[in-house]
Every structure is written in C-alpha cells, then in structure tokens.
Amino acid sequence: MSEELDPHAQAGQITHGIVSLAVLGGLLAGLTICWSADFQKAMHLSPLFLAWAMVITGDGILAWSMLLPAVRVIQQLWPGVSSEVRRQLRSTLIFVAAVLGAFFALMPKEFPLEVTWPLGDYHGIRLGAVSALILIPALVAVLAMWLAAAKAECLPRAAENPLGVVAEYLEQRRTLQGFLWFVGAVIGGTVLATGAMRKSMLAAQYATEAHYPSELVLAYGAFFTLILGLCYVPAYIVMQSAGDRILQGFLKSTTDVAVWHKERKRLAKLLGLDASVAQSLKDIGAILSPLGAGLISVVLPDLAAK
C-alpha cells in the first residue's frame, strides 16, 4: 500500500503540518513585536512588556494551529455548495476583512492617544502586521463555519439513507460550533494582549490612566464581540433552518397529536434543535469571549496590585 493511502502516515503528516504551522505563526507574531530596539528599551522599564509579547506569541500559536484543519474543511465543503453561495460567502468574507482592516488602519489616525508607544515610530505597522497574522486564520475559520451551515442547508429533506443525512447534519453542526469556539478564543487572546500592552505601558509610564483608560480595552472587546456575533448568528439560523427541514421530512403523518409531539421532540433532541441551557450558554460564552478577555485584562491586574 502506498504512503498516500496509509492512514497512519497521513495522520502523522497532518499532525506535523499543524504543529509546524502553529510554531511558525507564534514565532512570527512574537518576533514582529520583540525584534525592535524600542521594545528592548521598553522591556527594561517594565518586564510586563515581555508578558505582552508572550501573550501575542501564544495567541499566534493558537491561531495557526487550526489553519490547516480549517483549510481541509473548506476543501471538503466548497464543491458541495452552489457557485452562487460560494460567491456570496467570498464577498461577505472580503467585506468583514475590509471592515477589520479599516478599523486597525483608521482608528489610530482618527483618534490618536497621547501616549508613548512601546514599538516607537513603527508601532502601528508592527501591530497591524501582528493583527493580520493572527486574524487571517480566524477569518479562514469563519469561512469554514459558514460553509458548514451552507452544506447543512443543501442536505436533502428525505433520502434513502436517513442515517447518512442525520450523521452529515450533526457533523456540520459540530464543525460550526467548534470553529465558533476557536475564533472566539483567538479574538479573546487578541483583546487580552491589548490589555496586557496597556498595563505594561502604565507600569513603564508610557501612558496614564487618563490618556489610556481601561474603557478603551473594553470597547475593543465589545467591538470584536459584535463582529463575532454577526458572523455566527446567520450561520446558526441557517443551521437551525436546515435541521427543522430535515426533521419535518422524517416526521410521519399521524392524527395522534401526542404521538406526533413525542416523535418531534425525540428527533429535535437528536438533531440538537432543542439546545439545552448549558449548550446555549456555551455558544453565548464563545461569542462574549472577546469582551470577557477585556474584562479579565482590566480587572485581574488591578486585583493583583492590591
């Protein structure tokens, strides 16, 4: 049997690729920050700057660890949706990327802070490069998330193999929720890094509370929470609609309302359409993770200082 068909060899190659990309992404993110004379000077004033660089490096590792799985999911699902859906998803992703790019490019210019940035004159360029490096894998995961919902929508209402339809639907639902948590964790790490940078700047007297208030970090987290919610909610609605359509196709005609209701409840639970309170809280928690990271970055250092 050739190596291409050997599942053990293929699993090893995938693992090697995931680890290699994760380490490369983390190192690039960390070096983009640390490879600077201004950063070395800032670190001598406050060792907290090293913690900021470590958070960025860890976030880069996390982001790039899922790039290969996300690309593989896209390769599998892309041919299974119509060309019109693919066009819409591409244009939507480009729009989201443009909004994020405009945010990082225009906000510092339109609303400059009276602070000394730790990376000197090239702070904006370096930080923009790091943000792009970390958010690109997250955007790829968002596309995979949307494709999972689109694929579920394409599943037949009734089929000769109902078990296959249910299994495919549940797989796409897990894909949607899994990538939601991944994107939430990556963006949460980005917000946490922003809070760490602010704390470091305060410790090194590069900024004051008045010129760099904690509310800005919270607003940063709230912005990304809104973006993540806008990316997830439409996909969730499409996934729920697909599940309802599949459920209706499997329900048998009967005049016994009690039997019909019992069967519908059983199928809804199987398809995950009656999400428990715990699962709903998990999804909401993932969406709110950027804002939560902002709260942590602001509150915990203050508590530690007391």
Protein backbone atom coordinates (compact mmCIF):
# COMPACT_ATOMS: atom_id res chain seq x y z
CA MET A 1 0.00 0.00 0.00
CA SER A 2 1.38 3.41 -0.91
CA GLU A 3 2.13 6.00 1.72
CA GLU A 4 -0.65 8.25 0.42
CA LEU A 5 -3.23 5.64 1.31
CA ASP A 6 -1.71 4.78 4.68
CA PRO A 7 -3.99 6.42 7.29
CA HIS A 8 -1.24 6.38 9.94
CA ALA A 9 1.21 8.18 7.64
CA GLN A 10 -1.47 10.66 6.63
CA ALA A 11 -2.34 11.37 10.28
CA GLY A 12 1.35 11.90 11.01
CA GLN A 13 1.70 14.35 8.13
CA ILE A 14 -1.36 16.30 9.29
CA THR A 15 -0.07 16.45 12.86
CA HIS A 16 3.35 17.57 11.63
CA GLY A 17 1.75 20.26 9.49
CA ILE A 18 -0.46 21.54 12.32
CA VAL A 19 2.42 21.73 14.81
CA SER A 20 4.78 23.32 12.28
CA LEU A 21 2.29 26.00 11.27
CA ALA A 22 1.42 26.71 14.91
CA VAL A 23 5.04 27.18 15.92
CA LEU A 24 5.81 29.26 12.82
CA GLY A 25 2.80 31.53 13.37
CA GLY A 26 3.62 32.03 17.03
CA LEU A 27 7.27 32.81 16.34
CA LEU A 28 6.40 35.29 13.59
CA ALA A 29 3.93 37.07 15.86
CA GLY A 30 6.36 37.20 18.76
CA LEU A 31 9.38 38.27 16.70
CA THR A 32 7.38 41.02 14.99
CA ILE A 33 6.95 42.55 18.44
CA CYS A 34 10.29 41.68 20.09
CA TRP A 35 12.64 42.37 17.16
CA SER A 36 12.85 46.05 17.92
CA ALA A 37 15.24 48.29 19.81
CA ASP A 38 12.26 50.25 21.10
CA PHE A 39 10.79 47.07 22.59
CA GLN A 40 14.10 46.19 24.27
CA LYS A 41 14.17 49.65 25.84
CA ALA A 42 10.55 49.33 26.96
CA MET A 43 11.19 45.90 28.49
CA HIS A 44 13.96 47.34 30.66
CA LEU A 45 11.47 49.84 32.05
CA SER A 46 8.83 47.18 32.74
CA PRO A 47 9.15 43.37 32.44
CA LEU A 48 5.41 43.31 31.82
CA PHE A 49 6.20 44.03 28.18
CA LEU A 50 7.68 40.53 27.97
CA ALA A 51 4.37 39.15 29.25
CA TRP A 52 2.61 41.12 26.49
CA ALA A 53 4.90 39.56 23.88
CA MET A 54 4.29 36.10 25.35
CA VAL A 55 0.51 36.54 25.14
CA ILE A 56 0.84 37.57 21.49
CA THR A 57 3.10 34.59 20.77
CA GLY A 58 0.64 32.21 22.44
CA ASP A 59 -2.25 33.72 20.51
CA GLY A 60 -0.31 33.28 17.28
CA ILE A 61 0.32 29.62 18.10
CA LEU A 62 -3.37 29.09 18.83
CA ALA A 63 -4.47 30.87 15.65
CA TRP A 64 -2.18 28.98 13.31
CA SER A 65 -2.78 25.62 14.99
CA MET A 66 -6.23 25.47 13.38
CA LEU A 67 -5.35 26.90 9.98
CA LEU A 68 -4.70 23.53 8.37
CA PRO A 69 -7.89 21.88 9.77
CA ALA A 70 -9.93 24.88 8.61
CA VAL A 71 -8.43 24.71 5.11
CA ARG A 72 -9.16 20.98 4.94
CA VAL A 73 -12.79 21.58 5.92
CA ILE A 74 -13.10 24.27 3.24
CA GLN A 75 -11.62 21.96 0.61
CA GLN A 76 -14.15 19.27 1.54
CA LEU A 77 -17.22 21.51 1.67
CA TRP A 78 -16.51 24.04 -1.09
CA PRO A 79 -17.54 21.77 -4.01
CA GLY A 80 -20.75 20.78 -2.20
CA VAL A 81 -22.40 24.22 -2.34
CA SER A 82 -23.60 26.16 -5.34
CA SER A 83 -21.49 28.72 -7.19
CA GLU A 84 -23.92 31.46 -6.09
CA VAL A 85 -23.43 30.56 -2.43
CA ARG A 86 -19.67 30.48 -2.90
CA ARG A 87 -19.75 33.93 -4.48
CA GLN A 88 -21.84 35.31 -1.62
CA LEU A 89 -19.56 33.82 1.01
CA ARG A 90 -16.46 35.19 -0.69
CA SER A 91 -17.89 38.70 -0.93
CA THR A 92 -19.07 38.62 2.69
CA LEU A 93 -15.68 37.46 3.94
CA ILE A 94 -13.94 40.19 1.93
CA PHE A 95 -16.32 42.74 3.47
CA VAL A 96 -15.57 41.52 7.02
CA ALA A 97 -11.82 41.61 6.30
CA ALA A 98 -12.15 45.14 4.88
CA VAL A 99 -14.01 46.33 7.98
CA LEU A 100 -11.31 44.91 10.25
CA GLY A 101 -8.56 46.39 8.07
CA ALA A 102 -10.20 49.80 8.12
CA PHE A 103 -10.63 49.57 11.88
CA PHE A 104 -6.94 48.88 12.51
CA ALA A 105 -5.79 51.45 9.94
CA LEU A 106 -8.12 54.36 10.62
CA MET A 107 -8.79 54.26 14.36
CA PRO A 108 -5.24 55.18 15.47
CA LYS A 109 -5.15 58.04 12.95
CA GLU A 110 -8.62 59.42 13.64
CA PHE A 111 -8.42 59.04 17.42
CA PRO A 112 -4.72 59.21 18.39
CA LEU A 113 -3.80 58.66 22.03
CA GLU A 114 -1.39 60.93 23.88
CA VAL A 115 0.92 58.07 24.85
CA THR A 116 4.39 56.73 24.04
CA TRP A 117 4.02 53.50 22.11
CA PRO A 118 6.40 50.66 23.05
CA LEU A 119 7.40 49.96 19.44
CA GLY A 120 8.30 53.53 18.59
CA ASP A 121 7.56 55.08 15.20
CA TYR A 122 6.74 51.69 13.67
CA HIS A 123 4.29 50.66 16.39
CA GLY A 124 1.24 50.91 14.14
CA ILE A 125 2.86 48.98 11.29
CA ARG A 126 4.17 46.20 13.53
CA LEU A 127 0.94 45.88 15.47
CA GLY A 128 -1.05 45.85 12.24
CA ALA A 129 1.15 43.06 10.90
CA VAL A 130 0.67 41.02 14.07
CA SER A 131 -3.09 41.58 13.99
CA ALA A 132 -3.26 40.42 10.38
CA LEU A 133 -1.07 37.42 11.16
CA ILE A 134 -3.41 36.32 13.96
CA LEU A 135 -6.74 37.22 12.37
CA ILE A 136 -6.14 35.61 8.96
CA PRO A 137 -6.52 32.06 10.35
CA ALA A 138 -9.58 33.24 12.27
CA LEU A 139 -11.15 34.54 9.05
CA VAL A 140 -10.41 31.23 7.33
CA ALA A 141 -12.19 29.51 10.23
CA VAL A 142 -15.16 31.86 9.80
CA LEU A 143 -15.41 30.79 6.15
CA ALA A 144 -15.33 27.13 7.25
CA MET A 145 -18.08 27.91 9.75
CA TRP A 146 -20.27 29.46 7.06
CA LEU A 147 -19.62 26.58 4.67
CA ALA A 148 -20.72 24.08 7.32
CA ALA A 149 -24.06 25.86 7.59
CA ALA A 150 -24.39 26.09 3.79
CA LYS A 151 -23.61 22.38 3.44
CA ALA A 152 -26.26 21.51 6.02
CA GLU A 153 -28.76 23.61 4.07
CA CYS A 154 -28.00 21.53 0.96
CA LEU A 155 -28.85 18.22 2.63
CA PRO A 156 -31.95 16.52 1.17
CA ARG A 157 -35.20 16.68 3.08
CA ALA A 158 -35.87 12.97 2.60
CA ALA A 159 -33.42 10.35 1.44
CA GLU A 160 -32.98 6.65 1.03
CA ASN A 161 -30.29 6.82 3.70
CA PRO A 162 -31.79 8.91 6.54
CA LEU A 163 -28.99 7.89 8.91
CA GLY A 164 -26.46 9.37 6.50
CA VAL A 165 -28.38 12.64 6.35
CA VAL A 166 -28.57 12.89 10.15
CA ALA A 167 -24.90 11.99 10.55
CA GLU A 168 -23.87 14.62 7.97
CA TYR A 169 -26.03 17.26 9.64
CA LEU A 170 -24.62 16.55 13.09
CA GLU A 171 -21.07 16.67 11.70
CA GLN A 172 -21.65 20.09 10.15
CA ARG A 173 -23.27 21.32 13.35
CA ARG A 174 -20.20 20.24 15.34
CA THR A 175 -18.00 21.98 12.77
CA LEU A 176 -19.95 25.21 13.18
CA GLN A 177 -19.77 25.19 16.97
CA GLY A 178 -16.14 24.05 17.06
CA PHE A 179 -14.92 26.87 14.84
CA LEU A 180 -17.05 29.34 16.79
CA TRP A 181 -15.11 28.48 19.93
CA PHE A 182 -11.81 28.62 18.07
CA VAL A 183 -12.47 32.09 16.62
CA GLY A 184 -13.73 33.30 19.99
CA ALA A 185 -10.57 32.08 21.72
CA VAL A 186 -8.27 33.68 19.12
CA ILE A 187 -10.02 37.05 19.25
CA GLY A 188 -10.20 36.83 23.03
CA GLY A 189 -6.43 36.34 23.07
CA THR A 190 -6.00 39.43 20.89
CA VAL A 191 -8.06 41.53 23.30
CA LEU A 192 -6.16 40.06 26.26
CA ALA A 193 -2.90 41.07 24.59
CA THR A 194 -4.22 44.62 24.18
CA GLY A 195 -5.00 44.74 27.88
CA ALA A 196 -1.52 43.43 28.69
CA MET A 197 0.04 46.10 26.49
CA ARG A 198 -1.93 48.82 28.25
CA LYS A 199 -0.91 47.53 31.69
CA SER A 200 2.73 47.44 30.58
CA MET A 201 2.55 50.99 29.26
CA LEU A 202 1.10 52.21 32.55
CA ALA A 203 3.85 50.43 34.51
CA ALA A 204 6.56 51.95 32.30
CA GLN A 205 4.88 55.39 32.48
CA TYR A 206 4.39 55.39 28.72
CA ALA A 207 0.76 56.28 29.41
CA THR A 208 -1.54 57.41 32.18
CA GLU A 209 -4.97 56.20 33.21
CA ALA A 210 -6.42 59.43 31.87
CA HIS A 211 -4.85 59.08 28.42
CA TYR A 212 -5.30 55.29 28.10
CA PRO A 213 -8.38 54.36 30.17
CA SER A 214 -9.45 50.75 30.68
CA GLU A 215 -12.74 51.52 28.93
CA LEU A 216 -10.87 51.53 25.61
CA VAL A 217 -9.88 47.88 26.09
CA LEU A 218 -13.47 47.01 26.96
CA ALA A 219 -14.71 48.86 23.89
CA TYR A 220 -12.17 46.92 21.81
CA GLY A 221 -13.55 43.67 23.21
CA ALA A 222 -17.14 44.79 22.64
CA PHE A 223 -16.35 45.61 19.01
CA PHE A 224 -14.98 42.13 18.35
CA THR A 225 -17.85 40.54 20.24
CA LEU A 226 -20.21 42.31 17.85
CA ILE A 227 -18.21 41.16 14.80
CA LEU A 228 -18.13 37.55 16.05
CA GLY A 229 -21.86 37.61 16.76
CA LEU A 230 -22.61 38.95 13.29
CA CYS A 231 -20.51 36.16 11.79
CA TYR A 232 -22.10 33.39 13.85
CA VAL A 233 -25.79 34.25 14.14
CA PRO A 234 -26.65 33.99 10.41
CA ALA A 235 -24.84 30.64 10.18
CA TYR A 236 -26.67 29.45 13.28
CA ILE A 237 -30.03 30.46 11.82
CA VAL A 238 -29.26 28.62 8.57
CA MET A 239 -28.18 25.53 10.54
CA GLN A 240 -31.38 25.59 12.62
CA SER A 241 -33.49 26.01 9.48
CA ALA A 242 -31.77 23.06 7.83
CA GLY A 243 -32.37 20.95 10.92
CA ASP A 244 -36.05 21.89 11.02
CA ARG A 245 -36.40 20.95 7.36
CA ILE A 246 -34.77 17.57 7.93
CA LEU A 247 -36.94 16.98 10.99
CA GLN A 248 -40.14 17.72 9.07
CA GLY A 249 -39.09 15.29 6.35
CA PHE A 250 -38.64 12.48 8.88
CA LEU A 251 -41.89 13.03 10.80
CA LYS A 252 -44.57 10.51 9.90
CA SER A 253 -48.13 11.62 9.16
CA THR A 254 -50.47 10.86 12.05
CA THR A 255 -53.66 12.17 13.58
CA ASP A 256 -52.44 11.45 17.10
CA VAL A 257 -51.08 14.77 18.31
CA ALA A 258 -49.43 13.23 21.38
CA VAL A 259 -47.53 10.69 19.29
CA TRP A 260 -46.55 13.38 16.78
CA HIS A 261 -45.31 15.68 19.55
CA LYS A 262 -43.33 12.89 21.23
CA GLU A 263 -41.67 11.89 17.95
CA ARG A 264 -40.90 15.51 17.06
CA LYS A 265 -39.33 16.11 20.47
CA ARG A 266 -37.18 12.99 20.11
CA LEU A 267 -35.96 13.98 16.64
CA ALA A 268 -35.34 17.59 17.71
CA LYS A 269 -33.16 16.38 20.56
CA LEU A 270 -31.26 14.08 18.21
CA LEU A 271 -30.57 16.90 15.76
CA GLY A 272 -29.65 19.35 18.52
CA LEU A 273 -32.52 21.71 17.69
CA ASP A 274 -33.67 21.92 21.30
CA ALA A 275 -30.34 23.13 22.61
CA SER A 276 -30.07 22.86 26.38
CA VAL A 277 -29.45 25.88 28.57
CA ALA A 278 -25.87 24.69 29.09
CA GLN A 279 -25.19 24.48 25.33
CA SER A 280 -26.79 27.87 24.74
CA LEU A 281 -24.62 29.38 27.46
CA LYS A 282 -21.54 27.81 25.85
CA ASP A 283 -22.34 29.42 22.50
CA ILE A 284 -23.06 32.77 24.13
CA GLY A 285 -19.86 32.43 26.15
CA ALA A 286 -17.86 31.91 22.96
CA ILE A 287 -19.38 35.00 21.38
CA LEU A 288 -18.74 37.08 24.51
CA SER A 289 -15.17 35.80 24.94
CA PRO A 290 -13.56 38.96 23.43
CA LEU A 291 -15.45 41.15 25.87
CA GLY A 292 -14.69 38.71 28.68
CA ALA A 293 -10.98 38.83 27.83
CA GLY A 294 -11.13 42.61 28.03
CA LEU A 295 -12.69 42.41 31.49
CA ILE A 296 -10.05 39.93 32.66
CA SER A 297 -7.19 42.05 31.34
CA VAL A 298 -8.52 45.07 33.18
CA VAL A 299 -9.71 43.55 36.46
CA LEU A 300 -7.11 40.89 37.33
CA PRO A 301 -4.02 43.13 37.24
CA ASP A 302 -5.82 45.66 39.46
CA LEU A 303 -6.71 42.92 41.93
CA ALA A 304 -3.13 41.66 41.90
CA ALA A 305 -1.84 45.13 42.65
CA LYS A 306 -3.92 45.49 45.82
